[in-house]
Amino acid sequence: MSRMYRRKTHSRSTVIDPDMPVDEIMRRWPATVGVMIRHRMLCVGCPIGSFHTVTEACAEHEVEEEAFVRELLAAIGS
């Protein structure tokens, strides 16, 4: 079972499932593209992005997953 990351904003909650494909996250929340670029993740425009999950992308690029997801949630909330 994967961990779910949440960010509450006003009356709604944003959820990122580490099993979500990174492409889906970038399409749903365009502000997350900057986070990918900051971490030098080549997921932006990558044909594998629609299959690569957050967990897999973090492992591939040697990025600490929990901190990365916190940055994604912060970008979504801004």
Protein backbone atom coordinates (compact mmCIF):
# COMPACT_ATOMS: atom_id res chain seq x y z
CA MET A 1 0.00 0.00 0.00
CA SER A 2 1.44 3.34 -0.99
CA ARG A 3 1.63 6.42 1.15
CA MET A 4 -0.68 9.31 0.26
CA TYR A 5 0.50 12.87 0.64
CA ARG A 6 -2.08 15.56 1.36
CA ARG A 7 -2.20 19.31 1.52
CA LYS A 8 -5.26 21.06 2.90
CA THR A 9 -6.12 24.37 1.30
CA HIS A 10 -9.17 26.12 2.63
CA SER A 11 -12.07 23.68 2.25
CA ARG A 12 -10.44 21.23 -0.12
CA SER A 13 -7.62 18.74 0.04
CA THR A 14 -5.00 18.02 -2.61
CA VAL A 15 -3.71 14.46 -2.70
CA ILE A 16 -0.63 13.14 -4.43
CA ASP A 17 -0.36 9.38 -4.63
CA PRO A 18 3.27 8.30 -5.17
CA ASP A 19 1.90 5.77 -7.65
CA MET A 20 0.56 8.57 -9.87
CA PRO A 21 2.44 9.04 -13.14
CA VAL A 22 4.52 12.22 -13.13
CA ASP A 23 2.96 13.28 -16.43
CA GLU A 24 -0.51 13.23 -14.85
CA ILE A 25 0.72 15.42 -11.98
CA MET A 26 2.29 17.96 -14.34
CA ARG A 27 -0.84 18.08 -16.52
CA ARG A 28 -3.22 18.39 -13.57
CA TRP A 29 -1.07 20.95 -11.72
CA PRO A 30 1.21 22.83 -14.17
CA ALA A 31 2.97 24.63 -11.30
CA THR A 32 4.69 21.32 -10.50
CA VAL A 33 6.77 21.50 -13.70
CA GLY A 34 9.10 23.98 -11.99
CA VAL A 35 9.71 21.50 -9.17
CA MET A 36 10.68 18.82 -11.70
CA ILE A 37 13.08 21.21 -13.43
CA ARG A 38 14.66 22.35 -10.14
CA HIS A 39 15.47 18.73 -9.33
CA ARG A 40 16.87 18.21 -12.85
CA MET A 41 14.30 15.53 -13.50
CA LEU A 42 13.95 15.05 -17.21
CA CYS A 43 10.30 14.05 -16.83
CA VAL A 44 9.01 17.18 -18.58
CA GLY A 45 8.16 16.06 -22.12
CA CYS A 46 9.57 12.58 -21.58
CA PRO A 47 7.56 9.79 -23.26
CA ILE A 48 8.08 7.63 -20.15
CA GLY A 49 6.44 10.31 -17.94
CA SER A 50 3.00 8.85 -18.54
CA PHE A 51 4.21 5.54 -17.08
CA HIS A 52 6.84 6.65 -14.50
CA THR A 53 5.39 7.08 -11.03
CA VAL A 54 6.60 9.64 -8.50
CA THR A 55 8.31 6.86 -6.57
CA GLU A 56 10.06 5.52 -9.67
CA ALA A 57 11.11 8.98 -10.88
CA CYS A 58 12.55 9.85 -7.47
CA ALA A 59 14.50 6.58 -7.37
CA GLU A 60 15.73 7.06 -10.95
CA HIS A 61 16.92 10.62 -10.30
CA GLU A 62 18.12 9.96 -6.73
CA VAL A 63 15.72 12.50 -5.20
CA GLU A 64 14.34 12.03 -1.67
CA GLU A 65 10.66 11.24 -2.23
CA GLU A 66 9.02 12.80 0.84
CA ALA A 67 10.82 16.13 0.44
CA PHE A 68 10.06 16.11 -3.29
CA VAL A 69 6.35 15.51 -2.72
CA ARG A 70 6.27 18.29 -0.12
CA GLU A 71 7.67 20.63 -2.79
CA LEU A 72 5.05 19.44 -5.29
CA LEU A 73 2.29 20.12 -2.77
CA ALA A 74 3.71 23.55 -2.00
CA ALA A 75 3.75 24.37 -5.73
CA ILE A 76 0.16 23.20 -6.08
CA GLY A 77 -0.89 25.34 -3.13
CA SER A 78 0.73 28.52 -4.42
